[in-house]
Amino acid sequence: MAENMESLPAHDELLDTTGLYCPEPIMMMHGKVRDMQPGQVLKVVATDPATTRDVPKFCQFLGHDLLYQQALANEYLYFIRLG
């Protein structure tokens, strides 16, 4: 991984959507955030390139903060603070 793991935001929950394609990653994110509290941080790992468009829109629409996002070779990483 290109980033030093210590420089990544701390997270409360992890959602691994590896191998899933639109709309499944976003549907799973909706379910996961329902079980979390405002202020908690969700780490999402994805392989679907559509998440680069969908995750920021998800955050904007629902009032969450996208703290960090990174596109690696075949993987996408997101840290979202719940609003």
C-alpha atoms as a PDB file:
ATOM      1  CA  MET A   1       0.000   0.000   0.000  1.00  0.00           C
ATOM      2  CA  ALA A   2       1.361   3.420  -0.920  1.00  0.00           C
ATOM      3  CA  GLU A   3       0.264   5.119   2.316  1.00  0.00           C
ATOM      4  CA  ASN A   4       1.929   4.570   5.652  1.00  0.00           C
ATOM      5  CA  MET A   5      -0.717   2.812   7.743  1.00  0.00           C
ATOM      6  CA  GLU A   6      -0.097   5.153  10.699  1.00  0.00           C
ATOM      7  CA  SER A   7      -1.055   8.171   8.570  1.00  0.00           C
ATOM      8  CA  LEU A   8      -4.520   6.806   7.799  1.00  0.00           C
ATOM      9  CA  PRO A   9      -7.471   7.972   9.912  1.00  0.00           C
ATOM     10  CA  ALA A  10      -8.542   5.776  12.817  1.00  0.00           C
ATOM     11  CA  HIS A  11     -11.782   3.890  12.183  1.00  0.00           C
ATOM     12  CA  ASP A  12     -14.514   2.310  14.272  1.00  0.00           C
ATOM     13  CA  GLU A  13     -15.895  -0.121  11.698  1.00  0.00           C
ATOM     14  CA  LEU A  14     -14.654  -1.807   8.517  1.00  0.00           C
ATOM     15  CA  LEU A  15     -16.772  -2.640   5.472  1.00  0.00           C
ATOM     16  CA  ASP A  16     -15.084  -4.829   2.865  1.00  0.00           C
ATOM     17  CA  THR A  17     -16.961  -4.707  -0.455  1.00  0.00           C
ATOM     18  CA  THR A  18     -14.155  -6.363  -2.433  1.00  0.00           C
ATOM     19  CA  GLY A  19     -15.498  -8.146  -5.502  1.00  0.00           C
ATOM     20  CA  LEU A  20     -18.892  -6.408  -5.429  1.00  0.00           C
ATOM     21  CA  TYR A  21     -20.166  -4.045  -8.097  1.00  0.00           C
ATOM     22  CA  CYS A  22     -22.674  -1.208  -8.230  1.00  0.00           C
ATOM     23  CA  PRO A  23     -25.110  -0.941  -6.537  1.00  0.00           C
ATOM     24  CA  GLU A  24     -24.019  -3.486  -3.888  1.00  0.00           C
ATOM     25  CA  PRO A  25     -21.198  -1.473  -2.207  1.00  0.00           C
ATOM     26  CA  ILE A  26     -23.483   1.526  -1.641  1.00  0.00           C
ATOM     27  CA  MET A  27     -26.360  -0.667  -0.468  1.00  0.00           C
ATOM     28  CA  MET A  28     -24.025  -2.318   2.037  1.00  0.00           C
ATOM     29  CA  MET A  29     -22.802   1.100   3.197  1.00  0.00           C
ATOM     30  CA  HIS A  30     -26.402   2.181   3.870  1.00  0.00           C
ATOM     31  CA  GLY A  31     -26.905  -0.889   6.032  1.00  0.00           C
ATOM     32  CA  LYS A  32     -23.625  -0.446   7.890  1.00  0.00           C
ATOM     33  CA  VAL A  33     -24.119   3.241   8.774  1.00  0.00           C
ATOM     34  CA  ARG A  34     -27.563   2.443  10.222  1.00  0.00           C
ATOM     35  CA  ASP A  35     -25.774   0.442  12.927  1.00  0.00           C
ATOM     36  CA  MET A  36     -23.242   3.211  13.674  1.00  0.00           C
ATOM     37  CA  GLN A  37     -23.387   6.457  15.656  1.00  0.00           C
ATOM     38  CA  PRO A  38     -22.747  10.016  14.423  1.00  0.00           C
ATOM     39  CA  GLY A  39     -19.052  10.867  14.681  1.00  0.00           C
ATOM     40  CA  GLN A  40     -17.885   7.292  14.194  1.00  0.00           C
ATOM     41  CA  VAL A  41     -15.597   6.524  11.255  1.00  0.00           C
ATOM     42  CA  LEU A  42     -16.267   3.815   8.687  1.00  0.00           C
ATOM     43  CA  LYS A  43     -13.428   2.394   6.592  1.00  0.00           C
ATOM     44  CA  VAL A  44     -14.598   1.031   3.238  1.00  0.00           C
ATOM     45  CA  VAL A  45     -12.490  -1.159   0.965  1.00  0.00           C
ATOM     46  CA  ALA A  46     -13.784  -1.624  -2.594  1.00  0.00           C
ATOM     47  CA  THR A  47     -12.710  -2.939  -5.979  1.00  0.00           C
ATOM     48  CA  ASP A  48     -15.495  -1.342  -8.043  1.00  0.00           C
ATOM     49  CA  PRO A  49     -14.203   1.769  -9.870  1.00  0.00           C
ATOM     50  CA  ALA A  50     -17.738   3.226  -9.742  1.00  0.00           C
ATOM     51  CA  THR A  51     -17.221   3.808  -6.010  1.00  0.00           C
ATOM     52  CA  THR A  52     -14.957   6.761  -6.874  1.00  0.00           C
ATOM     53  CA  ARG A  53     -18.132   8.480  -8.045  1.00  0.00           C
ATOM     54  CA  ASP A  54     -20.690   6.853  -5.765  1.00  0.00           C
ATOM     55  CA  VAL A  55     -19.014   7.162  -2.345  1.00  0.00           C
ATOM     56  CA  PRO A  56     -18.514  10.967  -2.487  1.00  0.00           C
ATOM     57  CA  LYS A  57     -22.147  11.377  -3.629  1.00  0.00           C
ATOM     58  CA  PHE A  58     -23.309   9.050  -0.837  1.00  0.00           C
ATOM     59  CA  CYS A  59     -21.469  11.222   1.696  1.00  0.00           C
ATOM     60  CA  GLN A  60     -22.720  14.501   0.264  1.00  0.00           C
ATOM     61  CA  PHE A  61     -26.336  13.325   0.070  1.00  0.00           C
ATOM     62  CA  LEU A  62     -26.419  11.907   3.614  1.00  0.00           C
ATOM     63  CA  GLY A  63     -24.293  14.575   5.311  1.00  0.00           C
ATOM     64  CA  HIS A  64     -21.255  12.424   6.078  1.00  0.00           C
ATOM     65  CA  ASP A  65     -17.650  13.642   5.831  1.00  0.00           C
ATOM     66  CA  LEU A  66     -15.354  11.855   3.390  1.00  0.00           C
ATOM     67  CA  LEU A  67     -12.143  12.113   5.402  1.00  0.00           C
ATOM     68  CA  TYR A  68      -9.885  10.222   3.015  1.00  0.00           C
ATOM     69  CA  GLN A  69      -9.990   8.383  -0.261  1.00  0.00           C
ATOM     70  CA  GLN A  70      -7.289   6.601  -2.213  1.00  0.00           C
ATOM     71  CA  ALA A  71      -7.258   4.679  -5.473  1.00  0.00           C
ATOM     72  CA  LEU A  72      -4.651   1.945  -5.593  1.00  0.00           C
ATOM     73  CA  ALA A  73      -3.953  -0.444  -8.471  1.00  0.00           C
ATOM     74  CA  ASN A  74      -7.121  -2.532  -8.084  1.00  0.00           C
ATOM     75  CA  GLU A  75      -8.479  -1.301  -4.773  1.00  0.00           C
ATOM     76  CA  TYR A  76     -10.222   1.804  -3.462  1.00  0.00           C
ATOM     77  CA  LEU A  77     -10.064   2.937   0.139  1.00  0.00           C
ATOM     78  CA  TYR A  78     -12.423   5.371   1.892  1.00  0.00           C
ATOM     79  CA  PHE A  79     -12.728   6.740   5.426  1.00  0.00           C
ATOM     80  CA  ILE A  80     -16.108   8.293   6.217  1.00  0.00           C
ATOM     81  CA  ARG A  81     -17.077  10.162   9.406  1.00  0.00           C
ATOM     82  CA  LEU A  82     -20.791   9.823  10.008  1.00  0.00           C
ATOM     83  CA  GLY A  83     -22.749  13.061  10.269  1.00  0.00           C
END
